[in-house]
Amino acid sequence: MQTAQATCTPALWRLRFGLTSRQQDLMDNLWLSVRLLLLLAAANGAPLLAKRLFGTRWSAPLDGGYRFFDGRPLLGPSKTVRGLVAAVATSTLLAVVLQLPAGWGALMGAAAMLGDALSSFAKRRLGVAPSGRATGIDQIPEALLPLLVVQQAFGLTGLQIVLITLVFFLLEIPLARLFFRLGVRDQPY
């Protein structure tokens, strides 16, 4: 049975550059990692852009406004139906552009938003305000969970998952500041 990676990764490296089989495998894994990182970035950035485009439309909170036993919101007002739909739709479309199966793109978008929701749930339990900063909690679940979900389909190793998650973590912080300066984000984190 072929993995999702084998069905859609361009294997022209060896033909174009005279690479050995091992070098080709490294290039294929690097290219797959870049595409998965782009999907993660799209899924996590789409809710921010949707908020800017649509304002308060479709901004119903995912938690329905319910509170947990501790009296705090389950997730908070910034986790919306609009953001979930934007993340899944954007990652689905980008997957097709990146020559990955659309269904896997949708699954990664949904899993990224589940990771983001789990982060928000944890932050509320820790007393961090909605949209408040919690380095690590904000980045790792929304990258790690989708990668674990597609691990088998794309033949990802544990090392690849750790490295993609680490790169996502390291890039998210400066990119958040950039998007704040560009007016896409409300907070610089």
N, C-alpha and C. Protein backbone atom coordinates (compact mmCIF):
# COMPACT_ATOMS: atom_id res chain seq x y z
N MET A 1 0.83 -1.18 0.00
CA MET A 1 0.00 0.00 0.00
C MET A 1 0.88 1.25 0.00
N GLN A 2 0.57 2.17 -0.90
CA GLN A 2 1.37 3.38 -0.98
C GLN A 2 0.94 4.38 0.07
N THR A 3 1.88 5.17 0.54
CA THR A 3 1.54 6.24 1.47
C THR A 3 1.09 7.45 0.67
N ALA A 4 0.47 8.39 1.35
CA ALA A 4 0.04 9.62 0.69
C ALA A 4 1.24 10.35 0.10
N GLN A 5 2.39 10.25 0.76
CA GLN A 5 3.60 10.90 0.27
C GLN A 5 4.03 10.31 -1.06
N ALA A 6 4.01 9.00 -1.17
CA ALA A 6 4.50 8.34 -2.37
C ALA A 6 3.62 8.66 -3.57
N THR A 7 2.35 8.95 -3.36
CA THR A 7 1.46 9.20 -4.48
C THR A 7 1.53 10.62 -5.00
N CYS A 8 2.17 11.53 -4.27
CA CYS A 8 2.10 12.91 -4.70
C CYS A 8 3.41 13.69 -4.58
N THR A 9 4.45 13.10 -4.15
CA THR A 9 5.72 13.80 -4.04
C THR A 9 6.46 13.74 -5.37
N PRO A 10 6.88 14.90 -5.89
CA PRO A 10 7.62 14.86 -7.16
C PRO A 10 8.95 14.13 -6.97
N ALA A 11 9.20 13.14 -7.82
CA ALA A 11 10.42 12.33 -7.71
C ALA A 11 11.36 12.61 -8.87
N LEU A 12 11.46 13.85 -9.24
CA LEU A 12 12.31 14.22 -10.38
C LEU A 12 13.70 14.66 -9.95
N TRP A 13 13.95 14.67 -8.63
CA TRP A 13 15.25 15.13 -8.13
C TRP A 13 16.39 14.33 -8.75
N ARG A 14 16.27 13.01 -8.75
CA ARG A 14 17.36 12.17 -9.24
C ARG A 14 17.60 12.42 -10.73
N LEU A 15 16.50 12.53 -11.50
CA LEU A 15 16.63 12.75 -12.94
C LEU A 15 17.24 14.10 -13.25
N ARG A 16 16.84 15.11 -12.54
CA ARG A 16 17.31 16.46 -12.83
C ARG A 16 18.71 16.74 -12.30
N PHE A 17 19.03 16.20 -11.15
CA PHE A 17 20.28 16.57 -10.50
C PHE A 17 21.24 15.42 -10.28
N GLY A 18 20.94 14.24 -10.78
CA GLY A 18 21.81 13.10 -10.64
C GLY A 18 21.99 12.65 -9.20
N LEU A 19 20.94 12.74 -8.41
CA LEU A 19 21.03 12.37 -7.00
C LEU A 19 20.99 10.86 -6.81
N THR A 20 21.63 10.42 -5.77
CA THR A 20 21.54 9.01 -5.41
C THR A 20 20.15 8.76 -4.83
N SER A 21 19.82 7.51 -4.66
CA SER A 21 18.52 7.15 -4.10
C SER A 21 18.36 7.73 -2.69
N ARG A 22 19.41 7.67 -1.89
CA ARG A 22 19.36 8.23 -0.54
C ARG A 22 19.19 9.75 -0.57
N GLN A 23 19.90 10.40 -1.47
CA GLN A 23 19.76 11.85 -1.58
C GLN A 23 18.35 12.22 -2.04
N GLN A 24 17.80 11.43 -2.94
CA GLN A 24 16.45 11.67 -3.41
C GLN A 24 15.45 11.52 -2.27
N ASP A 25 15.64 10.49 -1.44
CA ASP A 25 14.75 10.29 -0.29
C ASP A 25 14.82 11.48 0.66
N LEU A 26 16.03 12.00 0.89
CA LEU A 26 16.18 13.17 1.76
C LEU A 26 15.47 14.39 1.18
N MET A 27 15.61 14.60 -0.13
CA MET A 27 14.95 15.73 -0.79
C MET A 27 13.43 15.56 -0.75
N ASP A 28 12.96 14.34 -0.99
CA ASP A 28 11.52 14.09 -0.94
C ASP A 28 10.97 14.35 0.46
N ASN A 29 11.71 13.91 1.49
CA ASN A 29 11.27 14.15 2.87
C ASN A 29 11.30 15.63 3.22
N LEU A 30 12.30 16.34 2.73
CA LEU A 30 12.38 17.78 2.97
C LEU A 30 11.21 18.49 2.29
N TRP A 31 10.93 18.12 1.04
CA TRP A 31 9.83 18.73 0.30
C TRP A 31 8.49 18.44 0.98
N LEU A 32 8.30 17.22 1.45
CA LEU A 32 7.08 16.88 2.18
C LEU A 32 6.98 17.70 3.45
N SER A 33 8.08 17.82 4.18
CA SER A 33 8.08 18.60 5.42
C SER A 33 7.72 20.05 5.18
N VAL A 34 8.24 20.63 4.11
CA VAL A 34 7.92 22.02 3.77
C VAL A 34 6.43 22.15 3.46
N ARG A 35 5.89 21.21 2.69
CA ARG A 35 4.47 21.27 2.34
C ARG A 35 3.59 21.12 3.59
N LEU A 36 3.96 20.23 4.48
CA LEU A 36 3.16 20.06 5.70
C LEU A 36 3.26 21.30 6.59
N LEU A 37 4.43 21.90 6.65
CA LEU A 37 4.60 23.14 7.40
C LEU A 37 3.74 24.25 6.82
N LEU A 38 3.67 24.33 5.50
CA LEU A 38 2.81 25.33 4.85
C LEU A 38 1.34 25.08 5.17
N LEU A 39 0.93 23.81 5.20
CA LEU A 39 -0.45 23.49 5.56
C LEU A 39 -0.75 23.92 7.00
N LEU A 40 0.19 23.66 7.90
CA LEU A 40 0.01 24.07 9.29
C LEU A 40 -0.11 25.59 9.40
N ALA A 41 0.75 26.29 8.69
CA ALA A 41 0.71 27.76 8.73
C ALA A 41 -0.61 28.28 8.15
N ALA A 42 -1.07 27.68 7.07
CA ALA A 42 -2.33 28.11 6.45
C ALA A 42 -3.50 27.85 7.38
N ALA A 43 -3.54 26.67 7.99
CA ALA A 43 -4.64 26.34 8.89
C ALA A 43 -4.67 27.28 10.09
N ASN A 44 -3.52 27.64 10.60
CA ASN A 44 -3.46 28.50 11.78
C ASN A 44 -3.59 29.98 11.45
N GLY A 45 -3.29 30.37 10.23
CA GLY A 45 -3.44 31.76 9.83
C GLY A 45 -4.80 32.10 9.26
N ALA A 46 -5.48 31.12 8.71
CA ALA A 46 -6.78 31.36 8.06
C ALA A 46 -7.82 31.98 8.99
N PRO A 47 -7.92 31.53 10.25
CA PRO A 47 -8.91 32.18 11.13
C PRO A 47 -8.65 33.67 11.35
N LEU A 48 -7.40 34.06 11.39
CA LEU A 48 -7.06 35.47 11.56
C LEU A 48 -7.49 36.28 10.34
N LEU A 49 -7.20 35.75 9.16
CA LEU A 49 -7.60 36.45 7.93
C LEU A 49 -9.11 36.49 7.78
N ALA A 50 -9.78 35.39 8.14
CA ALA A 50 -11.24 35.35 8.05
C ALA A 50 -11.86 36.40 8.98
N LYS A 51 -11.28 36.59 10.15
CA LYS A 51 -11.78 37.60 11.08
C LYS A 51 -11.66 38.99 10.46
N ARG A 52 -10.53 39.25 9.80
CA ARG A 52 -10.34 40.55 9.16
C ARG A 52 -11.30 40.73 7.97
N LEU A 53 -11.53 39.66 7.22
CA LEU A 53 -12.41 39.75 6.04
C LEU A 53 -13.88 39.84 6.40
N PHE A 54 -14.32 39.06 7.39
CA PHE A 54 -15.74 38.94 7.68
C PHE A 54 -16.19 39.68 8.93
N GLY A 55 -15.26 40.25 9.67
CA GLY A 55 -15.64 40.97 10.88
C GLY A 55 -16.33 40.07 11.87
N THR A 56 -17.51 40.46 12.31
CA THR A 56 -18.23 39.67 13.32
C THR A 56 -19.14 38.61 12.71
N ARG A 57 -19.25 38.57 11.38
CA ARG A 57 -20.10 37.54 10.77
C ARG A 57 -19.54 36.15 11.05
N TRP A 58 -20.41 35.22 11.34
CA TRP A 58 -20.09 33.81 11.59
C TRP A 58 -19.11 33.66 12.77
N SER A 59 -19.22 34.57 13.72
CA SER A 59 -18.27 34.55 14.83
C SER A 59 -18.83 33.83 16.07
N ALA A 60 -19.75 32.93 15.86
CA ALA A 60 -20.30 32.17 17.00
C ALA A 60 -19.17 31.38 17.65
N PRO A 61 -19.05 31.45 18.96
CA PRO A 61 -17.96 30.72 19.63
C PRO A 61 -18.19 29.21 19.55
N LEU A 62 -17.12 28.48 19.35
CA LEU A 62 -17.19 27.01 19.27
C LEU A 62 -17.72 26.40 20.55
N ASP A 63 -17.43 27.03 21.69
CA ASP A 63 -17.86 26.47 22.97
C ASP A 63 -19.29 26.85 23.34
N GLY A 64 -19.96 27.59 22.45
CA GLY A 64 -21.34 27.99 22.70
C GLY A 64 -21.51 28.90 23.91
N GLY A 65 -20.41 29.44 24.40
CA GLY A 65 -20.47 30.31 25.57
C GLY A 65 -20.54 29.58 26.90
N TYR A 66 -20.42 28.26 26.84
CA TYR A 66 -20.49 27.47 28.08
C TYR A 66 -19.23 27.66 28.92
N ARG A 67 -19.40 27.41 30.19
CA ARG A 67 -18.29 27.52 31.14
C ARG A 67 -18.00 26.15 31.74
N PHE A 68 -16.75 25.96 32.13
CA PHE A 68 -16.31 24.70 32.75
C PHE A 68 -16.65 24.75 34.24
N PHE A 69 -16.37 23.68 34.95
CA PHE A 69 -16.67 23.58 36.38
C PHE A 69 -16.00 24.69 37.19
N ASP A 70 -14.89 25.19 36.69
CA ASP A 70 -14.17 26.23 37.43
C ASP A 70 -14.75 27.63 37.19
N GLY A 71 -15.82 27.71 36.41
CA GLY A 71 -16.47 28.99 36.14
C GLY A 71 -15.89 29.76 34.98
N ARG A 72 -14.78 29.28 34.44
CA ARG A 72 -14.13 29.94 33.30
C ARG A 72 -14.70 29.38 31.99
N PRO A 73 -14.59 30.15 30.90
CA PRO A 73 -15.08 29.64 29.60
C PRO A 73 -14.36 28.35 29.22
N LEU A 74 -15.05 27.48 28.48
CA LEU A 74 -14.41 26.27 27.98
C LEU A 74 -13.23 26.63 27.09
N LEU A 75 -13.47 27.48 26.09
CA LEU A 75 -12.42 27.88 25.15
C LEU A 75 -12.22 29.39 25.12
N GLY A 76 -13.31 30.13 25.13
CA GLY A 76 -13.25 31.58 25.02
C GLY A 76 -13.83 32.06 23.70
N PRO A 77 -14.04 33.35 23.58
CA PRO A 77 -14.73 33.91 22.41
C PRO A 77 -13.91 33.94 21.12
N SER A 78 -12.61 33.73 21.21
CA SER A 78 -11.79 33.83 20.00
C SER A 78 -11.75 32.53 19.20
N LYS A 79 -12.31 31.45 19.71
CA LYS A 79 -12.40 30.18 18.96
C LYS A 79 -13.79 30.11 18.37
N THR A 80 -13.89 30.38 17.05
CA THR A 80 -15.19 30.55 16.41
C THR A 80 -15.44 29.52 15.31
N VAL A 81 -16.71 29.42 14.95
CA VAL A 81 -17.11 28.59 13.82
C VAL A 81 -16.44 29.11 12.56
N ARG A 82 -16.40 30.44 12.40
CA ARG A 82 -15.75 31.06 11.25
C ARG A 82 -14.30 30.63 11.13
N GLY A 83 -13.58 30.59 12.23
CA GLY A 83 -12.18 30.20 12.22
C GLY A 83 -12.00 28.74 11.85
N LEU A 84 -12.85 27.88 12.38
CA LEU A 84 -12.78 26.45 12.05
C LEU A 84 -13.02 26.22 10.57
N VAL A 85 -14.07 26.83 10.04
CA VAL A 85 -14.39 26.66 8.62
C VAL A 85 -13.27 27.23 7.75
N ALA A 86 -12.74 28.39 8.12
CA ALA A 86 -11.66 29.00 7.36
C ALA A 86 -10.42 28.12 7.34
N ALA A 87 -10.08 27.54 8.49
CA ALA A 87 -8.89 26.69 8.58
C ALA A 87 -9.04 25.44 7.73
N VAL A 88 -10.17 24.79 7.82
CA VAL A 88 -10.38 23.55 7.06
C VAL A 88 -10.43 23.85 5.56
N ALA A 89 -11.15 24.90 5.17
CA ALA A 89 -11.25 25.24 3.75
C ALA A 89 -9.90 25.65 3.16
N THR A 90 -9.17 26.48 3.89
CA THR A 90 -7.88 26.95 3.39
C THR A 90 -6.87 25.81 3.27
N SER A 91 -6.80 24.96 4.28
CA SER A 91 -5.83 23.86 4.21
C SER A 91 -6.23 22.83 3.15
N THR A 92 -7.52 22.69 2.90
CA THR A 92 -7.97 21.78 1.84
C THR A 92 -7.53 22.31 0.47
N LEU A 93 -7.78 23.58 0.23
CA LEU A 93 -7.40 24.18 -1.06
C LEU A 93 -5.89 24.20 -1.24
N LEU A 94 -5.17 24.54 -0.19
CA LEU A 94 -3.71 24.58 -0.30
C LEU A 94 -3.14 23.19 -0.53
N ALA A 95 -3.73 22.18 0.07
CA ALA A 95 -3.26 20.80 -0.16
C ALA A 95 -3.32 20.47 -1.65
N VAL A 96 -4.39 20.85 -2.30
CA VAL A 96 -4.52 20.59 -3.74
C VAL A 96 -3.43 21.33 -4.51
N VAL A 97 -3.20 22.59 -4.17
CA VAL A 97 -2.15 23.37 -4.82
C VAL A 97 -0.78 22.72 -4.62
N LEU A 98 -0.56 22.16 -3.44
CA LEU A 98 0.73 21.53 -3.12
C LEU A 98 0.81 20.07 -3.56
N GLN A 99 -0.18 19.64 -4.31
CA GLN A 99 -0.24 18.28 -4.85
C GLN A 99 -0.30 17.22 -3.75
N LEU A 100 -1.07 17.53 -2.72
CA LEU A 100 -1.38 16.59 -1.66
C LEU A 100 -2.87 16.30 -1.72
N PRO A 101 -3.31 15.16 -1.24
CA PRO A 101 -4.74 14.85 -1.27
C PRO A 101 -5.56 15.87 -0.46
N ALA A 102 -6.64 16.35 -1.05
CA ALA A 102 -7.48 17.37 -0.42
C ALA A 102 -8.00 16.89 0.93
N GLY A 103 -8.38 15.64 1.02
CA GLY A 103 -8.90 15.11 2.28
C GLY A 103 -7.91 15.18 3.42
N TRP A 104 -6.64 14.95 3.09
CA TRP A 104 -5.60 15.04 4.13
C TRP A 104 -5.39 16.49 4.53
N GLY A 105 -5.53 17.41 3.57
CA GLY A 105 -5.44 18.83 3.90
C GLY A 105 -6.56 19.24 4.84
N ALA A 106 -7.78 18.78 4.55
CA ALA A 106 -8.93 19.09 5.42
C ALA A 106 -8.71 18.51 6.81
N LEU A 107 -8.22 17.29 6.87
CA LEU A 107 -7.99 16.64 8.16
C LEU A 107 -6.92 17.39 8.95
N MET A 108 -5.87 17.85 8.27
CA MET A 108 -4.84 18.62 8.98
C MET A 108 -5.40 19.94 9.49
N GLY A 109 -6.24 20.60 8.69
CA GLY A 109 -6.85 21.85 9.14
C GLY A 109 -7.72 21.63 10.36
N ALA A 110 -8.54 20.57 10.33
CA ALA A 110 -9.41 20.28 11.47
C ALA A 110 -8.58 19.90 12.70
N ALA A 111 -7.55 19.10 12.50
CA ALA A 111 -6.71 18.69 13.63
C ALA A 111 -5.93 19.88 14.21
N ALA A 112 -5.50 20.80 13.35
CA ALA A 112 -4.82 22.00 13.84
C ALA A 112 -5.75 22.83 14.72
N MET A 113 -7.01 22.92 14.30
CA MET A 113 -7.97 23.68 15.09
C MET A 113 -8.33 22.95 16.38
N LEU A 114 -8.34 21.62 16.35
CA LEU A 114 -8.55 20.86 17.58
C LEU A 114 -7.38 21.10 18.54
N GLY A 115 -6.17 21.09 18.00
CA GLY A 115 -5.00 21.40 18.83
C GLY A 115 -5.07 22.80 19.40
N ASP A 116 -5.54 23.75 18.59
CA ASP A 116 -5.68 25.13 19.04
C ASP A 116 -6.75 25.21 20.14
N ALA A 117 -7.84 24.47 19.96
CA ALA A 117 -8.90 24.46 20.98
C ALA A 117 -8.40 23.84 22.28
N LEU A 118 -7.62 22.76 22.17
CA LEU A 118 -7.04 22.15 23.37
C LEU A 118 -6.11 23.13 24.09
N SER A 119 -5.36 23.90 23.31
CA SER A 119 -4.50 24.93 23.89
C SER A 119 -5.32 25.96 24.65
N SER A 120 -6.42 26.39 24.03
CA SER A 120 -7.28 27.39 24.68
C SER A 120 -7.90 26.83 25.95
N PHE A 121 -8.33 25.57 25.88
CA PHE A 121 -8.89 24.93 27.07
C PHE A 121 -7.86 24.93 28.21
N ALA A 122 -6.63 24.54 27.89
CA ALA A 122 -5.56 24.50 28.90
C ALA A 122 -5.27 25.90 29.43
N LYS A 123 -5.23 26.88 28.54
CA LYS A 123 -4.96 28.26 28.96
C LYS A 123 -6.05 28.79 29.88
N ARG A 124 -7.32 28.46 29.59
CA ARG A 124 -8.40 28.91 30.47
C ARG A 124 -8.25 28.27 31.85
N ARG A 125 -7.86 27.01 31.91
CA ARG A 125 -7.69 26.34 33.20
C ARG A 125 -6.53 26.95 33.98
N LEU A 126 -5.53 27.46 33.27
CA LEU A 126 -4.37 28.09 33.91
C LEU A 126 -4.61 29.56 34.24
N GLY A 127 -5.78 30.07 33.85
CA GLY A 127 -6.11 31.45 34.14
C GLY A 127 -5.59 32.45 33.13
N VAL A 128 -5.12 31.98 31.99
CA VAL A 128 -4.66 32.89 30.93
C VAL A 128 -5.89 33.41 30.19
N ALA A 129 -5.97 34.70 30.01
CA ALA A 129 -7.12 35.32 29.35
C ALA A 129 -7.20 34.91 27.88
N PRO A 130 -8.42 34.94 27.30
CA PRO A 130 -8.54 34.67 25.86
C PRO A 130 -7.62 35.60 25.06
N SER A 131 -6.94 35.04 24.09
CA SER A 131 -5.94 35.72 23.28
C SER A 131 -4.70 36.11 24.09
N GLY A 132 -4.60 35.60 25.31
CA GLY A 132 -3.41 35.85 26.12
C GLY A 132 -2.26 34.97 25.67
N ARG A 133 -1.07 35.36 26.05
CA ARG A 133 0.14 34.67 25.60
C ARG A 133 0.51 33.52 26.54
N ALA A 134 0.82 32.38 25.91
CA ALA A 134 1.33 31.21 26.65
C ALA A 134 2.27 30.47 25.70
N THR A 135 3.50 30.93 25.65
CA THR A 135 4.49 30.37 24.73
C THR A 135 4.62 28.86 24.93
N GLY A 136 4.57 28.15 23.83
CA GLY A 136 4.64 26.69 23.85
C GLY A 136 3.25 26.09 23.81
N ILE A 137 2.41 26.48 24.77
CA ILE A 137 1.03 25.99 24.77
C ILE A 137 0.31 26.49 23.53
N ASP A 138 0.62 27.70 23.09
CA ASP A 138 -0.03 28.27 21.91
C ASP A 138 0.41 27.61 20.60
N GLN A 139 1.63 27.11 20.52
CA GLN A 139 2.15 26.65 19.24
C GLN A 139 2.19 25.13 19.10
N ILE A 140 2.60 24.44 20.12
CA ILE A 140 2.91 23.01 19.97
C ILE A 140 1.69 22.15 19.66
N PRO A 141 0.58 22.25 20.40
CA PRO A 141 -0.55 21.35 20.09
C PRO A 141 -1.12 21.55 18.69
N GLU A 142 -1.16 22.79 18.21
CA GLU A 142 -1.74 23.03 16.89
C GLU A 142 -0.83 22.58 15.75
N ALA A 143 0.40 22.26 16.03
CA ALA A 143 1.30 21.68 15.03
C ALA A 143 1.45 20.18 15.25
N LEU A 144 1.60 19.77 16.48
CA LEU A 144 1.86 18.37 16.80
C LEU A 144 0.66 17.46 16.50
N LEU A 145 -0.52 17.87 16.91
CA LEU A 145 -1.69 17.02 16.71
C LEU A 145 -1.96 16.70 15.24
N PRO A 146 -1.97 17.68 14.34
CA PRO A 146 -2.20 17.33 12.93
C PRO A 146 -1.12 16.42 12.35
N LEU A 147 0.12 16.62 12.77
CA LEU A 147 1.19 15.77 12.27
C LEU A 147 1.04 14.34 12.76
N LEU A 148 0.59 14.17 13.99
CA LEU A 148 0.35 12.82 14.50
C LEU A 148 -0.81 12.16 13.76
N VAL A 149 -1.81 12.96 13.41
CA VAL A 149 -2.98 12.42 12.70
C VAL A 149 -2.61 11.90 11.31
N VAL A 150 -1.69 12.59 10.63
CA VAL A 150 -1.33 12.17 9.26
C VAL A 150 -0.02 11.39 9.21
N GLN A 151 0.53 11.07 10.35
CA GLN A 151 1.84 10.40 10.42
C GLN A 151 1.90 9.16 9.54
N GLN A 152 0.96 8.27 9.69
CA GLN A 152 1.00 7.02 8.95
C GLN A 152 0.75 7.25 7.46
N ALA A 153 -0.18 8.11 7.14
CA ALA A 153 -0.52 8.36 5.73
C ALA A 153 0.67 8.90 4.95
N PHE A 154 1.46 9.74 5.58
CA PHE A 154 2.60 10.35 4.90
C PHE A 154 3.93 9.68 5.25
N GLY A 155 3.88 8.64 6.05
CA GLY A 155 5.10 7.93 6.41
C GLY A 155 6.07 8.77 7.20
N LEU A 156 5.55 9.64 8.07
CA LEU A 156 6.41 10.53 8.85
C LEU A 156 7.08 9.77 9.98
N THR A 157 8.34 10.07 10.20
CA THR A 157 9.05 9.50 11.34
C THR A 157 8.84 10.40 12.55
N GLY A 158 9.14 9.89 13.72
CA GLY A 158 9.06 10.70 14.93
C GLY A 158 9.96 11.91 14.85
N LEU A 159 11.14 11.73 14.27
CA LEU A 159 12.07 12.85 14.13
C LEU A 159 11.48 13.93 13.22
N GLN A 160 10.86 13.54 12.11
CA GLN A 160 10.25 14.53 11.22
C GLN A 160 9.17 15.32 11.96
N ILE A 161 8.36 14.62 12.73
CA ILE A 161 7.28 15.29 13.46
C ILE A 161 7.86 16.29 14.45
N VAL A 162 8.89 15.89 15.17
CA VAL A 162 9.53 16.79 16.14
C VAL A 162 10.13 18.00 15.42
N LEU A 163 10.83 17.77 14.31
CA LEU A 163 11.48 18.86 13.60
C LEU A 163 10.47 19.83 12.97
N ILE A 164 9.40 19.32 12.37
CA ILE A 164 8.38 20.19 11.78
C ILE A 164 7.72 21.01 12.88
N THR A 165 7.41 20.36 14.00
CA THR A 165 6.80 21.07 15.13
C THR A 165 7.74 22.15 15.66
N LEU A 166 9.02 21.83 15.76
CA LEU A 166 10.01 22.80 16.24
C LEU A 166 10.12 23.99 15.29
N VAL A 167 10.18 23.72 14.00
CA VAL A 167 10.26 24.82 13.02
C VAL A 167 9.00 25.68 13.09
N PHE A 168 7.82 25.04 13.19
CA PHE A 168 6.57 25.79 13.34
C PHE A 168 6.65 26.69 14.57
N PHE A 169 7.09 26.14 15.69
CA PHE A 169 7.22 26.89 16.93
C PHE A 169 8.16 28.09 16.75
N LEU A 170 9.31 27.86 16.15
CA LEU A 170 10.31 28.92 16.00
C LEU A 170 9.87 30.00 15.01
N LEU A 171 9.11 29.62 13.98
CA LEU A 171 8.66 30.61 12.99
C LEU A 171 7.40 31.34 13.44
N GLU A 172 6.57 30.70 14.25
CA GLU A 172 5.29 31.30 14.63
C GLU A 172 5.48 32.59 15.42
N ILE A 173 6.46 32.63 16.26
CA ILE A 173 6.64 33.80 17.13
C ILE A 173 7.03 35.06 16.31
N PRO A 174 8.06 35.00 15.46
CA PRO A 174 8.35 36.21 14.67
C PRO A 174 7.27 36.52 13.63
N LEU A 175 6.63 35.49 13.08
CA LEU A 175 5.56 35.75 12.11
C LEU A 175 4.36 36.39 12.78
N ALA A 176 4.07 36.02 14.02
CA ALA A 176 2.97 36.66 14.75
C ALA A 176 3.23 38.15 14.92
N ARG A 177 4.46 38.50 15.21
CA ARG A 177 4.82 39.92 15.34
C ARG A 177 4.67 40.66 14.02
N LEU A 178 5.09 40.01 12.93
CA LEU A 178 4.95 40.60 11.60
C LEU A 178 3.48 40.81 11.26
N PHE A 179 2.64 39.80 11.50
CA PHE A 179 1.21 39.91 11.20
C PHE A 179 0.54 40.97 12.07
N PHE A 180 1.04 41.17 13.28
CA PHE A 180 0.53 42.25 14.12
C PHE A 180 0.84 43.60 13.49
N ARG A 181 2.07 43.76 13.04
CA ARG A 181 2.47 45.02 12.39
C ARG A 181 1.69 45.28 11.11
N LEU A 182 1.32 44.20 10.41
CA LEU A 182 0.55 44.33 9.17
C LEU A 182 -0.95 44.49 9.44
N GLY A 183 -1.34 44.40 10.70
CA GLY A 183 -2.74 44.58 11.05
C GLY A 183 -3.60 43.33 10.93
N VAL A 184 -2.97 42.17 10.75
CA VAL A 184 -3.72 40.91 10.64
C VAL A 184 -4.06 40.38 12.02
N ARG A 185 -3.15 40.50 12.96
CA ARG A 185 -3.35 40.01 14.33
C ARG A 185 -3.67 41.18 15.27
N ASP A 186 -4.45 40.87 16.31
CA ASP A 186 -4.76 41.87 17.33
C ASP A 186 -3.67 42.00 18.37
N GLN A 187 -2.88 40.92 18.56
CA GLN A 187 -1.82 40.89 19.55
C GLN A 187 -0.50 40.51 18.84
N PRO A 188 0.64 40.99 19.33
CA PRO A 188 1.92 40.65 18.68
C PRO A 188 2.45 39.27 19.07
N TYR A 189 1.60 38.37 19.57
CA TYR A 189 2.02 37.04 19.97
C TYR A 189 0.96 36.03 19.61
